[in-house]
Protein backbone atom coordinates (compact mmCIF):
# COMPACT_ATOMS: atom_id res chain seq x y z
CA UNK A 1 139.57 -104.56 23.98
CA UNK A 2 139.36 -102.08 26.85
CA UNK A 3 142.36 -101.77 29.17
CA UNK A 4 141.97 -102.61 32.83
CA UNK A 5 142.26 -98.92 33.78
CA UNK A 6 139.54 -97.96 31.27
CA UNK A 7 137.21 -100.62 32.62
CA UNK A 8 137.87 -99.48 36.18
CA UNK A 9 137.19 -95.88 35.18
CA UNK A 10 133.89 -96.86 33.58
CA UNK A 11 132.90 -98.94 36.60
CA UNK A 12 133.78 -96.06 38.89
CA UNK A 13 131.73 -93.67 36.81
CA UNK A 14 128.75 -96.04 36.94
CA UNK A 15 129.13 -96.65 40.66
CA UNK A 16 129.60 -93.00 41.50
CA UNK A 17 126.76 -91.69 39.37
CA UNK A 18 124.91 -88.72 40.80
CA UNK A 19 126.91 -88.60 44.03
CA UNK A 20 129.68 -86.49 42.49
CA UNK A 21 130.18 -82.95 43.74
CA UNK A 22 128.60 -80.36 41.50
CA UNK A 23 130.96 -78.82 38.96
CA UNK A 24 130.50 -75.25 37.65
CA UNK A 25 127.44 -74.70 35.50
CA UNK A 26 128.93 -71.97 33.31
CA UNK A 27 126.13 -69.60 34.39
CA UNK A 28 127.09 -66.69 36.65
CA UNK A 29 123.56 -66.55 38.10
CA UNK A 30 124.13 -69.97 39.70
CA UNK A 31 127.08 -68.77 41.79
CA UNK A 32 126.44 -68.42 45.51
CA UNK A 33 128.78 -67.37 48.30
CA UNK A 34 128.77 -70.27 50.74
CA UNK A 35 131.37 -69.83 53.48
CA UNK A 36 133.39 -72.52 55.18
CA UNK A 37 135.98 -72.34 57.97
CA UNK A 38 138.98 -74.69 57.89
CA UNK A 39 139.82 -76.15 61.30
CA UNK A 40 143.57 -75.82 60.64
CA UNK A 41 143.00 -72.17 61.59
CA UNK A 42 142.41 -73.18 65.21
CA UNK A 43 144.76 -76.15 65.47
CA UNK A 44 147.82 -74.44 66.94
CA UNK A 45 149.92 -75.15 63.83
CA UNK A 46 151.54 -71.73 63.62
CA UNK A 47 153.56 -69.95 66.27
CA UNK A 48 151.52 -68.42 69.04
CA UNK A 49 148.14 -69.70 67.87
CA UNK A 50 145.76 -71.58 70.23
CA UNK A 51 144.49 -75.14 69.89
CA UNK A 52 140.76 -75.80 69.99
CA UNK A 53 139.17 -79.21 70.27
CA UNK A 54 136.95 -80.29 67.38
CA UNK A 55 133.82 -79.42 69.36
CA UNK A 56 135.21 -76.03 70.39
CA UNK A 57 136.05 -75.35 66.76
CA UNK A 58 132.52 -76.26 65.62
CA UNK A 59 131.02 -73.90 68.19
CA UNK A 60 133.46 -71.20 67.09
CA UNK A 61 132.51 -71.56 63.42
CA UNK A 62 128.82 -71.34 64.32
CA UNK A 63 129.29 -68.28 66.54
CA UNK A 64 131.32 -66.51 63.86
CA UNK A 65 128.56 -67.05 61.30
CA UNK A 66 130.04 -69.60 58.88
CA UNK A 67 127.77 -71.83 56.80
CA UNK A 68 130.03 -74.86 56.98
CA UNK A 69 133.29 -76.33 58.20
CA UNK A 70 136.28 -78.14 56.76
CA UNK A 71 137.96 -80.36 59.34
CA UNK A 72 141.60 -81.46 59.25
CA UNK A 73 141.66 -85.26 59.29
CA UNK A 74 144.69 -85.58 61.53
CA UNK A 75 145.73 -84.91 65.11
CA UNK A 76 144.84 -82.90 67.11
CA UNK A 77 141.54 -82.81 65.25
CA UNK A 78 139.90 -85.61 63.29
CA UNK A 79 142.43 -88.43 63.55
CA UNK A 80 141.37 -91.70 61.92
CA UNK A 81 142.77 -93.83 64.74
CA UNK A 82 140.83 -91.93 67.38
CA UNK A 83 137.32 -91.94 65.91
CA UNK A 84 135.53 -95.25 66.24
CA UNK A 85 131.92 -95.78 65.13
CA UNK A 86 130.47 -94.30 68.31
CA UNK A 87 132.65 -91.20 68.10
CA UNK A 88 131.65 -90.73 64.47
CA UNK A 89 127.96 -90.93 65.28
CA UNK A 90 128.40 -88.43 68.10
CA UNK A 91 130.31 -85.96 65.92
CA UNK A 92 127.82 -86.26 63.06
CA UNK A 93 124.95 -85.53 65.44
CA UNK A 94 126.82 -82.57 66.94
CA UNK A 95 127.44 -80.97 63.53
CA UNK A 96 123.75 -81.39 62.69
CA UNK A 97 122.71 -80.01 66.09
CA UNK A 98 124.73 -76.84 65.44
CA UNK A 99 123.16 -76.39 62.00
CA UNK A 100 126.50 -76.58 60.20
CA UNK A 101 127.44 -78.29 56.96
CA UNK A 102 130.51 -80.52 57.03
CA UNK A 103 131.79 -79.39 53.63
CA UNK A 104 134.78 -81.72 53.46
CA UNK A 105 137.59 -83.41 55.30
CA UNK A 106 141.15 -82.22 54.79
CA UNK A 107 143.29 -85.21 53.83
CA UNK A 108 147.09 -85.08 53.74
CA UNK A 109 148.62 -87.10 50.91
CA UNK A 110 151.99 -87.11 49.18
CA UNK A 111 152.06 -89.74 46.44
CA UNK A 112 155.78 -89.27 45.72
CA UNK A 113 156.95 -89.84 49.28
CA UNK A 114 159.50 -92.64 49.65
CA UNK A 115 160.13 -92.96 45.91
CA UNK A 116 163.83 -93.51 46.58
CA UNK A 117 162.87 -96.79 48.30
CA UNK A 118 161.57 -99.01 45.50
CA UNK A 119 160.33 -101.79 47.78
CA UNK A 120 157.72 -99.68 49.55
CA UNK A 121 154.32 -99.51 47.77
CA UNK A 122 153.76 -95.92 48.89
CA UNK A 123 151.03 -95.03 46.38
CA UNK A 124 149.03 -98.08 47.49
CA UNK A 125 149.51 -97.17 51.15
CA UNK A 126 148.32 -93.62 50.51
CA UNK A 127 145.34 -94.86 48.49
CA UNK A 128 144.36 -97.17 51.36
CA UNK A 129 144.56 -94.15 53.71
CA UNK A 130 142.30 -92.16 51.37
CA UNK A 131 139.89 -95.09 51.32
CA UNK A 132 139.66 -95.02 55.11
CA UNK A 133 139.18 -91.25 55.00
CA UNK A 134 136.36 -91.82 52.53
CA UNK A 135 134.67 -94.22 54.93
CA UNK A 136 135.07 -91.62 57.68
CA UNK A 137 133.62 -88.94 55.39
CA UNK A 138 130.61 -91.11 54.61
CA UNK A 139 130.05 -91.80 58.31
CA UNK A 140 130.13 -88.06 59.02
CA UNK A 141 127.76 -87.26 56.13
CA UNK A 142 130.08 -85.29 53.87
CA UNK A 143 130.74 -85.96 50.19
CA UNK A 144 134.27 -84.59 49.73
CA UNK A 145 137.89 -84.96 50.82
CA UNK A 146 140.64 -82.49 49.96
CA UNK A 147 143.94 -84.18 49.04
CA UNK A 148 147.34 -83.27 47.54
CA UNK A 149 149.51 -84.59 44.68
CA UNK A 150 153.19 -84.99 45.61
CA UNK A 151 156.36 -83.05 46.36
CA UNK A 152 159.05 -83.40 43.72
CA UNK A 153 161.95 -85.52 44.97
CA UNK A 154 165.59 -85.04 43.92
CA UNK A 155 167.38 -87.78 41.98
CA UNK A 156 164.12 -89.38 40.75
CA UNK A 157 163.05 -88.78 37.12
CA UNK A 158 160.15 -86.35 36.98
CA UNK A 159 157.93 -88.53 34.84
CA UNK A 160 158.34 -91.43 37.24
CA UNK A 161 157.09 -89.16 40.02
CA UNK A 162 154.25 -87.85 37.87
CA UNK A 163 153.20 -91.42 37.02
CA UNK A 164 153.13 -92.28 40.74
CA UNK A 165 150.75 -89.38 41.32
CA UNK A 166 148.49 -90.55 38.47
CA UNK A 167 148.44 -94.11 39.85
CA UNK A 168 147.86 -92.88 43.38
CA UNK A 169 144.98 -90.63 42.39
CA UNK A 170 143.35 -93.38 40.35
CA UNK A 171 143.56 -95.89 43.17
CA UNK A 172 142.36 -93.27 45.65
CA UNK A 173 139.48 -92.25 43.44
CA UNK A 174 138.37 -95.86 43.07
CA UNK A 175 138.49 -96.36 46.83
CA UNK A 176 136.62 -93.11 47.50
CA UNK A 177 133.92 -94.01 44.96
CA UNK A 178 132.92 -97.00 47.10
CA UNK A 179 131.64 -94.50 49.66
CA UNK A 180 130.24 -91.90 47.24
CA UNK A 181 133.08 -89.45 47.92
CA UNK A 182 134.64 -86.83 45.64
CA UNK A 183 138.36 -86.05 45.95
CA UNK A 184 139.30 -82.39 45.53
CA UNK A 185 142.97 -82.22 44.50
CA UNK A 186 144.43 -78.96 45.78
CA UNK A 187 147.09 -77.09 43.78
CA UNK A 188 149.53 -77.12 46.69
CA UNK A 189 152.29 -79.71 46.20
CA UNK A 190 154.93 -79.49 43.46
CA UNK A 191 153.54 -82.01 40.97
CA UNK A 192 150.94 -80.41 38.65
CA UNK A 193 150.97 -77.13 40.57
CA UNK A 194 150.34 -75.10 37.40
CA UNK A 195 146.71 -74.95 36.22
CA UNK A 196 147.50 -76.37 32.78
CA UNK A 197 149.43 -79.22 34.39
CA UNK A 198 146.60 -79.79 36.86
CA UNK A 199 144.04 -80.01 34.06
CA UNK A 200 146.27 -82.46 32.18
CA UNK A 201 146.66 -84.54 35.34
CA UNK A 202 142.93 -84.69 36.08
CA UNK A 203 142.11 -85.46 32.46
CA UNK A 204 144.66 -88.28 32.53
CA UNK A 205 143.33 -89.72 35.79
CA UNK A 206 139.90 -89.52 34.15
CA UNK A 207 137.66 -90.42 37.09
CA UNK A 208 134.41 -88.52 37.71
CA UNK A 209 135.09 -88.21 41.42
CA UNK A 210 138.66 -86.86 41.17
CA UNK A 211 138.28 -83.11 40.77
CA UNK A 212 140.14 -79.88 41.58
CA UNK A 213 140.31 -77.89 44.79
CA UNK A 214 141.73 -74.85 43.00
CA UNK A 215 143.12 -71.94 45.04
CA UNK A 216 144.37 -68.44 44.26
CA UNK A 217 147.45 -68.82 46.46
CA UNK A 218 149.77 -70.82 44.18
CA UNK A 219 148.98 -68.82 41.00
CA UNK A 220 149.77 -65.62 42.89
CA UNK A 221 153.08 -66.92 44.23
CA UNK A 222 154.25 -68.07 40.80
CA UNK A 223 153.42 -64.66 39.32
CA UNK A 224 150.19 -64.95 37.32
CA UNK A 225 148.66 -61.59 36.47
CA UNK A 226 144.92 -60.85 36.53
CA UNK A 227 144.26 -62.01 32.95
CA UNK A 228 146.27 -65.20 33.48
CA UNK A 229 144.50 -65.90 36.79
CA UNK A 230 141.10 -65.53 35.13
CA UNK A 231 142.21 -67.85 32.33
CA UNK A 232 143.40 -70.41 34.89
CA UNK A 233 139.96 -70.53 36.50
CA UNK A 234 138.26 -70.93 33.13
CA UNK A 235 140.76 -73.63 32.13
CA UNK A 236 139.83 -75.71 35.18
CA UNK A 237 136.12 -74.96 34.92
CA UNK A 238 135.12 -78.62 34.29
CA UNK A 239 136.90 -79.73 37.45
CA UNK A 240 136.62 -77.13 40.24
CA UNK A 241 134.57 -78.32 43.23
CA UNK A 242 136.34 -76.57 46.12
CA UNK A 243 138.58 -73.62 46.92
CA UNK A 244 140.44 -72.39 50.01
CA UNK A 245 141.19 -68.70 50.53
CA UNK A 246 143.85 -66.92 52.58
CA UNK A 247 145.65 -63.63 52.00
CA UNK A 248 149.36 -62.96 52.42
CA UNK A 249 151.94 -60.24 52.54
CA UNK A 250 155.49 -60.62 51.20
CA UNK A 251 158.32 -59.80 53.59
CA UNK A 252 161.55 -59.41 51.57
CA UNK A 253 164.62 -61.33 52.69
CA UNK A 254 168.31 -60.79 51.92
CA UNK A 255 171.63 -62.44 52.69
CA UNK A 256 174.68 -60.30 53.37
CA UNK A 257 177.71 -61.01 51.15
CA UNK A 258 180.76 -59.73 52.99
CA UNK A 259 183.15 -59.79 50.02
CA UNK A 260 180.90 -57.49 47.98
CA UNK A 261 179.65 -55.40 50.90
CA UNK A 262 176.21 -56.05 49.52
CA UNK A 263 173.11 -58.22 49.79
CA UNK A 264 171.80 -61.13 47.73
CA UNK A 265 168.00 -61.31 47.50
CA UNK A 266 166.32 -64.47 48.83
CA UNK A 267 162.78 -65.79 48.49
CA UNK A 268 160.39 -63.55 50.43
CA UNK A 269 158.78 -64.84 53.60
CA UNK A 270 154.99 -65.08 53.43
CA UNK A 271 152.91 -63.88 56.37
CA UNK A 272 149.13 -64.12 56.68
CA UNK A 273 147.02 -60.95 56.75
CA UNK A 274 143.25 -60.34 56.78
CA UNK A 275 141.42 -60.89 53.48
CA UNK A 276 141.86 -57.97 51.10
CA UNK A 277 144.98 -56.69 52.86
CA UNK A 278 147.53 -58.83 50.98
CA UNK A 279 148.81 -59.12 47.42
CA UNK A 280 146.56 -61.94 46.20
CA UNK A 281 144.07 -60.81 43.57
CA UNK A 282 140.90 -62.26 45.05
CA UNK A 283 138.64 -59.86 43.20
CA UNK A 284 139.72 -61.35 39.89
CA UNK A 285 139.70 -64.88 41.29
CA UNK A 286 136.24 -64.78 42.89
CA UNK A 287 134.73 -62.94 39.93
CA UNK A 288 136.14 -65.63 37.65
CA UNK A 289 134.56 -68.30 39.87
CA UNK A 290 131.31 -66.39 39.57
CA UNK A 291 131.61 -66.25 35.77
CA UNK A 292 131.91 -70.03 35.49
CA UNK A 293 128.99 -70.63 37.86
CA UNK A 294 131.07 -72.20 40.63
CA UNK A 295 128.89 -74.40 42.85
CA UNK A 296 131.09 -75.10 45.87
CA UNK A 297 131.99 -73.43 49.14
CA UNK A 298 134.71 -70.84 49.71
CA UNK A 299 136.76 -72.05 52.66
CA UNK A 300 138.89 -69.72 54.74
CA UNK A 301 142.07 -70.70 56.54
CA UNK A 302 144.63 -68.98 58.71
CA UNK A 303 147.61 -71.11 57.85
CA UNK A 304 150.69 -69.00 58.59
CA UNK A 305 151.97 -66.65 61.26
CA UNK A 306 149.24 -64.01 61.35
CA UNK A 307 149.55 -60.25 61.36
CA UNK A 308 148.46 -59.05 64.79
CA UNK A 309 149.59 -62.21 66.57
CA UNK A 310 148.14 -65.59 67.38
CA UNK A 311 145.63 -64.69 70.08
CA UNK A 312 142.09 -66.03 69.92
CA UNK A 313 140.82 -62.48 69.57
CA UNK A 314 142.98 -61.84 66.51
CA UNK A 315 142.09 -65.16 64.89
CA UNK A 316 138.39 -64.42 65.40
CA UNK A 317 138.81 -60.90 64.05
CA UNK A 318 140.43 -62.21 60.85
CA UNK A 319 137.82 -64.96 60.46
CA UNK A 320 135.05 -62.34 60.69
CA UNK A 321 136.90 -60.08 58.24
CA UNK A 322 136.73 -62.88 55.67
CA UNK A 323 132.94 -63.06 56.02
CA UNK A 324 132.73 -59.30 55.49
CA UNK A 325 135.09 -59.41 52.51
CA UNK A 326 133.16 -62.03 50.51
CA UNK A 327 129.87 -60.14 50.83
CA UNK A 328 130.85 -58.04 47.81
CA UNK A 329 130.68 -61.12 45.55
CA UNK A 330 127.12 -62.12 46.42
């Protein structure tokens, strides 16, 4: 007799059908460079950077020459509580008027939050939030939401946290399927950060609309070399539907130890730089995406303090540099 979770998975698969985001074909000839700008780049998150309204951001993306946009589903941009049906219709029409593709919404989940408080059904709360994001995505005519797994909490057994992520993703996937939405799980939070762990996680969740938003950033920070990075992309080939790009430079940090008249090394500080100017191996990464016949967009974000400062002119310059950089992979 099938378990409840198996039946739900089968029902979700049936319901979702052909609405799922396209996964890689395995044929390099099918790869296309489709560019997308993430609105977090113009949301004033990082020191010295300006804040654009959603409409100003859309105009900016169009003027810069991007094919599509990825909009942060939170204040000061696309906040659920601030977009009623009329506002959704207006925004959908505006995106169409500008000739842009709304590639996805950026959701902000953490399925391990509050695990030290057993009485709070956090995973259910997060799944309900994802369900509302999915309804918003449908209303705005996009098929995908980017989400996260969970940060690892101290004093809670790892497998208990991992299980909460699995449950949260399953519930979220089932909610999203009601609206024909794919969830792209980004390798950003602690749980299942590694590509092998991410594949295991997605295989265990086992829903056709819970896929991977796999980025180069985390593999670079944990030290994968070119061969390992290529292998990571091929490992996640069945799942990758989205990726976000940004380049970084390491600034070494040290702490002075008076007793030894010396310095102890600390974790380097990351700072954002234009594409191709940092240490991330995007040539290997994008070529690997090409090899597997990746079908999605390549989103660009400026999500750190940026070399050259936070002025609008510098942000625009870096956003244009990304468009120039990816031309070599066409």
